[in-house]
Amino acid sequence: MDIKAKIGHKIKLIRKRVGLTQEKLAELLNVNNNTISKWENGTQIPRKKRVIEIAKILGTTPSYLLGETNNHREENQSRQLEFPL
């Protein structure tokens, strides 16, 4: 699995785990629904700024999304981040 596919898989996995649709994540990031789909399918990769925003919304870390760690939560993070629905 290439890096685009790995990042996309992790975005999709955590997005579903926190109960967000692609549409809602797209709304929160102010991007098109197709953009989320392309990221999750590994045909495009989000820019660094977007990876940070995605991680914050999903309550994970950029390092996890980029495959730099297997820990999807920060060490000092005691609860999932809240975001408007």
C-alpha atoms as a PDB file:
ATOM      1  CA  MET A   1       0.000   0.000   0.000  1.00  0.00           C
ATOM      2  CA  ASP A   2       1.456   3.358  -1.006  1.00  0.00           C
ATOM      3  CA  ILE A   3       1.534   6.446   1.226  1.00  0.00           C
ATOM      4  CA  LYS A   4      -1.563   8.008  -0.380  1.00  0.00           C
ATOM      5  CA  ALA A   5      -3.563   4.848   0.234  1.00  0.00           C
ATOM      6  CA  LYS A   6      -2.273   4.527   3.816  1.00  0.00           C
ATOM      7  CA  ILE A   7      -3.191   8.104   4.691  1.00  0.00           C
ATOM      8  CA  GLY A   8      -6.594   7.713   3.028  1.00  0.00           C
ATOM      9  CA  HIS A   9      -7.281   4.479   4.875  1.00  0.00           C
ATOM     10  CA  LYS A  10      -6.477   6.096   8.216  1.00  0.00           C
ATOM     11  CA  ILE A  11      -8.649   9.142   7.501  1.00  0.00           C
ATOM     12  CA  LYS A  12     -11.570   6.880   6.585  1.00  0.00           C
ATOM     13  CA  LEU A  13     -11.046   4.589   9.568  1.00  0.00           C
ATOM     14  CA  ILE A  14     -10.970   7.386  12.152  1.00  0.00           C
ATOM     15  CA  ARG A  15     -13.732   9.376  10.406  1.00  0.00           C
ATOM     16  CA  LYS A  16     -16.068   6.395  10.649  1.00  0.00           C
ATOM     17  CA  ARG A  17     -14.961   5.646  14.205  1.00  0.00           C
ATOM     18  CA  VAL A  18     -15.984   9.152  15.351  1.00  0.00           C
ATOM     19  CA  GLY A  19     -19.236   8.954  13.403  1.00  0.00           C
ATOM     20  CA  LEU A  20     -18.668  11.544  10.690  1.00  0.00           C
ATOM     21  CA  THR A  21     -19.844  11.258   7.114  1.00  0.00           C
ATOM     22  CA  GLN A  22     -17.649  12.354   4.241  1.00  0.00           C
ATOM     23  CA  GLU A  23     -20.096  15.203   3.725  1.00  0.00           C
ATOM     24  CA  LYS A  24     -19.786  16.425   7.318  1.00  0.00           C
ATOM     25  CA  LEU A  25     -15.991  16.215   7.287  1.00  0.00           C
ATOM     26  CA  ALA A  26     -15.964  18.129   4.003  1.00  0.00           C
ATOM     27  CA  GLU A  27     -18.180  20.797   5.556  1.00  0.00           C
ATOM     28  CA  LEU A  28     -15.942  21.124   8.613  1.00  0.00           C
ATOM     29  CA  LEU A  29     -12.867  21.468   6.383  1.00  0.00           C
ATOM     30  CA  ASN A  30     -14.629  23.724   3.883  1.00  0.00           C
ATOM     31  CA  VAL A  31     -13.765  21.434   0.953  1.00  0.00           C
ATOM     32  CA  ASN A  32     -15.785  19.589  -1.674  1.00  0.00           C
ATOM     33  CA  ASN A  33     -17.202  16.138  -0.838  1.00  0.00           C
ATOM     34  CA  ASN A  34     -15.224  14.696  -3.752  1.00  0.00           C
ATOM     35  CA  THR A  35     -11.999  15.867  -2.123  1.00  0.00           C
ATOM     36  CA  ILE A  36     -12.638  13.686   0.934  1.00  0.00           C
ATOM     37  CA  SER A  37     -13.434  10.743  -1.331  1.00  0.00           C
ATOM     38  CA  LYS A  38     -10.209  11.238  -3.303  1.00  0.00           C
ATOM     39  CA  TRP A  39      -8.169  11.383  -0.088  1.00  0.00           C
ATOM     40  CA  GLU A  40      -9.798   8.242   1.276  1.00  0.00           C
ATOM     41  CA  ASN A  41      -9.403   6.373  -2.012  1.00  0.00           C
ATOM     42  CA  GLY A  42      -5.731   7.317  -2.219  1.00  0.00           C
ATOM     43  CA  THR A  43      -5.992   9.197  -5.516  1.00  0.00           C
ATOM     44  CA  GLN A  44      -4.962  12.472  -3.869  1.00  0.00           C
ATOM     45  CA  ILE A  45      -3.172  13.384  -0.679  1.00  0.00           C
ATOM     46  CA  PRO A  46      -4.112  16.288   1.596  1.00  0.00           C
ATOM     47  CA  ARG A  47      -1.586  19.073   2.038  1.00  0.00           C
ATOM     48  CA  LYS A  48       0.248  19.385   5.347  1.00  0.00           C
ATOM     49  CA  LYS A  49      -2.095  22.143   6.580  1.00  0.00           C
ATOM     50  CA  ARG A  50      -5.106  19.931   5.832  1.00  0.00           C
ATOM     51  CA  VAL A  51      -3.565  16.921   7.565  1.00  0.00           C
ATOM     52  CA  ILE A  52      -3.252  19.024  10.721  1.00  0.00           C
ATOM     53  CA  GLU A  53      -6.870  20.196  10.418  1.00  0.00           C
ATOM     54  CA  ILE A  54      -8.146  16.666   9.724  1.00  0.00           C
ATOM     55  CA  ALA A  55      -6.263  15.294  12.729  1.00  0.00           C
ATOM     56  CA  LYS A  56      -7.703  17.977  14.989  1.00  0.00           C
ATOM     57  CA  ILE A  57     -11.275  17.344  13.831  1.00  0.00           C
ATOM     58  CA  LEU A  58     -10.907  13.568  14.120  1.00  0.00           C
ATOM     59  CA  GLY A  59      -9.222  13.689  17.525  1.00  0.00           C
ATOM     60  CA  THR A  60      -6.024  12.075  16.331  1.00  0.00           C
ATOM     61  CA  THR A  61      -2.528  13.257  15.458  1.00  0.00           C
ATOM     62  CA  PRO A  62      -0.959  14.270  12.159  1.00  0.00           C
ATOM     63  CA  SER A  63       1.809  11.760  12.936  1.00  0.00           C
ATOM     64  CA  TYR A  64      -0.726   8.925  13.014  1.00  0.00           C
ATOM     65  CA  LEU A  65      -2.350   9.987   9.739  1.00  0.00           C
ATOM     66  CA  LEU A  66       1.078  10.220   8.081  1.00  0.00           C
ATOM     67  CA  GLY A  67       2.120   6.781   9.339  1.00  0.00           C
ATOM     68  CA  GLU A  68       4.835   8.079  11.654  1.00  0.00           C
ATOM     69  CA  THR A  69       3.254   6.407  14.688  1.00  0.00           C
ATOM     70  CA  ASN A  70       0.710   3.683  15.383  1.00  0.00           C
ATOM     71  CA  ASN A  71      -0.739   5.618  18.313  1.00  0.00           C
ATOM     72  CA  HIS A  72      -3.769   7.476  16.986  1.00  0.00           C
ATOM     73  CA  ARG A  73      -4.139   9.574  20.152  1.00  0.00           C
ATOM     74  CA  GLU A  74      -1.706  12.001  21.688  1.00  0.00           C
ATOM     75  CA  GLU A  75      -0.146  10.837  24.933  1.00  0.00           C
ATOM     76  CA  ASN A  76      -1.638  13.726  26.916  1.00  0.00           C
ATOM     77  CA  GLN A  77      -5.027  13.644  25.231  1.00  0.00           C
ATOM     78  CA  SER A  78      -7.560  12.381  27.734  1.00  0.00           C
ATOM     79  CA  ARG A  79     -10.702  12.849  25.670  1.00  0.00           C
ATOM     80  CA  GLN A  80     -11.784  13.157  22.087  1.00  0.00           C
ATOM     81  CA  LEU A  81     -11.713  16.677  20.688  1.00  0.00           C
ATOM     82  CA  GLU A  82     -15.092  18.354  20.435  1.00  0.00           C
ATOM     83  CA  PHE A  83     -16.279  19.876  17.212  1.00  0.00           C
ATOM     84  CA  PRO A  84     -19.586  21.384  16.068  1.00  0.00           C
ATOM     85  CA  LEU A  85     -21.990  19.051  14.294  1.00  0.00           C
END
